[in-house]
Amino acid sequence: MLGLKAISAQNGWEYALLGVSIVFTGLVLLALVLSQLHKLLRLWENRSSIGQLVKERWKSESAVTDQETTKSEPSSDLIESRRQYQMLVERIGEPFALPRLLRLAEKSGLHRPHATINELIQADIILPDDNGYYTWKP
């Protein structure tokens, strides 16, 4: 078999189309990279000023999050959670271990016990003692 019949028999048309599409895709990507290269070079030349901007923004964002964590008024959800967890602490007694409080909260069906206990610790409602246990803030 020779000629066009041989090309068809050995899937030559598919390979030709695949090759053309690969070359065309490569050329398109190369054109896109070259058209945006000036922006990349400008970033490279100004990398120290961009680094300063990133550091300043990071510091300002961390300052905002620090201010958010030092809020004095607890939310209404935290007040309700405090009431529920205080009843659990009264049941198990003080000082208490966090895993025991967590197990009891899960058995009681309280919503998001890990996150709630974390919020209570961050709000200084649950206080650690020196022996690895925790106490309830009076």
Protein backbone atom coordinates (compact mmCIF):
# COMPACT_ATOMS: atom_id res chain seq x y z
CA MET A 1 0.00 0.00 0.00
CA LEU A 2 1.35 3.40 -0.99
CA GLY A 3 0.18 7.00 -0.98
CA LEU A 4 -2.96 8.30 0.67
CA LYS A 5 -4.29 4.81 1.40
CA ALA A 6 -1.21 4.04 3.50
CA ILE A 7 -1.60 7.31 5.42
CA SER A 8 -5.24 6.50 6.17
CA ALA A 9 -4.48 2.93 7.15
CA GLN A 10 -1.84 3.95 9.71
CA ASN A 11 -3.88 6.83 11.28
CA GLY A 12 -1.65 9.40 9.60
CA TRP A 13 -4.38 12.04 9.35
CA GLU A 14 -5.00 11.93 13.09
CA TYR A 15 -1.30 12.25 13.81
CA ALA A 16 -1.02 15.16 11.41
CA LEU A 17 -3.94 16.98 13.08
CA LEU A 18 -2.51 16.28 16.50
CA GLY A 19 0.88 17.65 15.47
CA VAL A 20 -0.66 20.79 13.98
CA SER A 21 -2.73 21.41 17.11
CA ILE A 22 0.31 20.93 19.39
CA VAL A 23 2.40 23.35 17.34
CA PHE A 24 -0.44 25.88 17.14
CA THR A 25 -1.03 25.71 20.92
CA GLY A 26 2.69 26.18 21.56
CA LEU A 27 2.81 29.21 19.29
CA VAL A 28 -0.23 30.77 20.97
CA LEU A 29 1.31 30.28 24.42
CA LEU A 30 4.60 31.73 23.23
CA ALA A 31 2.80 34.78 21.83
CA LEU A 32 0.96 35.29 25.13
CA VAL A 33 4.16 35.03 27.16
CA LEU A 34 5.99 37.46 24.89
CA SER A 35 3.10 39.95 24.97
CA GLN A 36 3.16 40.00 28.79
CA LEU A 37 6.92 39.82 29.25
CA HIS A 38 7.24 43.59 29.77
CA LYS A 39 5.01 43.35 32.87
CA LEU A 40 7.10 40.56 34.31
CA LEU A 41 10.31 42.53 33.69
CA ARG A 42 8.81 45.64 35.34
CA LEU A 43 7.92 43.53 38.40
CA TRP A 44 11.45 42.16 38.49
CA GLU A 45 12.98 45.65 38.35
CA ASN A 46 10.72 46.93 41.16
CA ARG A 47 10.89 43.83 43.37
CA SER A 48 12.23 45.71 46.41
CA SER A 49 9.38 48.25 46.43
CA ILE A 50 6.83 45.48 45.89
CA GLY A 51 8.37 43.57 48.80
CA GLN A 52 7.93 46.66 51.00
CA LEU A 53 4.28 46.97 49.96
CA VAL A 54 3.65 43.32 50.75
CA LYS A 55 5.29 43.65 54.19
CA GLU A 56 3.29 46.80 55.02
CA ARG A 57 0.04 45.18 53.95
CA TRP A 58 0.84 42.06 55.97
CA LYS A 59 1.59 44.16 59.06
CA SER A 60 -1.62 46.16 58.67
CA GLU A 61 -3.69 42.98 58.21
CA SER A 62 -2.10 41.39 61.28
CA ALA A 63 -2.81 44.56 63.27
CA VAL A 64 -6.47 44.40 62.21
CA THR A 65 -6.75 40.76 63.25
CA ASP A 66 -5.08 41.57 66.58
CA GLN A 67 -7.67 44.28 67.17
CA GLU A 68 -10.47 41.88 66.28
CA THR A 69 -9.24 39.30 68.79
CA THR A 70 -9.11 41.84 71.63
CA LYS A 71 -12.82 42.68 71.53
CA SER A 72 -14.22 43.22 74.99
CA GLU A 73 -17.87 42.29 74.35
CA PRO A 74 -18.54 38.61 73.72
CA SER A 75 -21.12 37.76 71.08
CA SER A 76 -24.56 36.47 71.97
CA ASP A 77 -23.59 33.02 70.66
CA LEU A 78 -20.59 32.99 72.98
CA ILE A 79 -22.77 34.00 75.94
CA GLU A 80 -25.18 31.14 75.21
CA SER A 81 -22.29 28.73 74.72
CA ARG A 82 -20.79 29.92 77.99
CA ARG A 83 -24.01 29.10 79.80
CA GLN A 84 -24.21 25.61 78.26
CA TYR A 85 -20.57 24.76 78.91
CA GLN A 86 -20.73 26.15 82.45
CA MET A 87 -23.45 23.63 83.24
CA LEU A 88 -21.23 20.86 81.85
CA VAL A 89 -18.29 22.06 83.97
CA GLU A 90 -20.49 22.09 87.07
CA ARG A 91 -21.37 18.48 86.30
CA ILE A 92 -17.76 17.25 85.96
CA GLY A 93 -16.28 19.55 88.61
CA GLU A 94 -13.25 21.80 88.65
CA PRO A 95 -10.42 21.59 87.69
CA PHE A 96 -11.35 19.69 84.55
CA ALA A 97 -9.56 18.18 81.58
CA LEU A 98 -10.47 19.53 78.15
CA PRO A 99 -10.85 16.07 76.54
CA ARG A 100 -13.43 15.16 79.18
CA LEU A 101 -15.34 18.41 78.60
CA LEU A 102 -15.16 17.81 74.87
CA ARG A 103 -16.50 14.26 75.14
CA LEU A 104 -19.35 15.45 77.34
CA ALA A 105 -20.17 18.27 74.91
CA GLU A 106 -20.23 15.83 72.00
CA LYS A 107 -22.50 13.44 73.93
CA SER A 108 -24.79 16.35 74.75
CA GLY A 109 -25.07 17.21 71.06
CA LEU A 110 -23.69 20.73 71.33
CA HIS A 111 -22.87 22.50 68.07
CA ARG A 112 -19.16 22.63 67.08
CA PRO A 113 -17.65 21.70 70.45
CA HIS A 114 -13.98 22.02 69.39
CA ALA A 115 -14.44 25.52 67.99
CA THR A 116 -16.62 26.65 70.89
CA ILE A 117 -14.14 25.50 73.52
CA ASN A 118 -11.40 27.25 71.57
CA GLU A 119 -13.44 30.48 71.56
CA LEU A 120 -14.05 30.17 75.30
CA ILE A 121 -10.32 29.75 75.91
CA GLN A 122 -9.47 32.73 73.70
CA ALA A 123 -12.06 34.85 75.51
CA ASP A 124 -10.41 33.90 78.85
CA ILE A 125 -13.56 32.21 80.10
CA ILE A 126 -11.79 28.87 80.45
CA LEU A 127 -8.41 29.39 82.13
CA PRO A 128 -5.49 26.93 82.27
CA ASP A 129 -3.87 26.05 85.56
CA ASP A 130 -0.27 24.91 86.09
CA ASN A 131 -1.13 21.21 86.28
CA GLY A 132 -2.52 20.75 82.76
CA TYR A 133 -6.13 21.19 83.79
CA TYR A 134 -8.52 24.06 83.24
CA THR A 135 -10.79 26.09 85.47
CA TRP A 136 -13.84 28.20 84.83
CA LYS A 137 -13.41 31.96 85.19
CA PRO A 138 -15.41 33.11 88.22
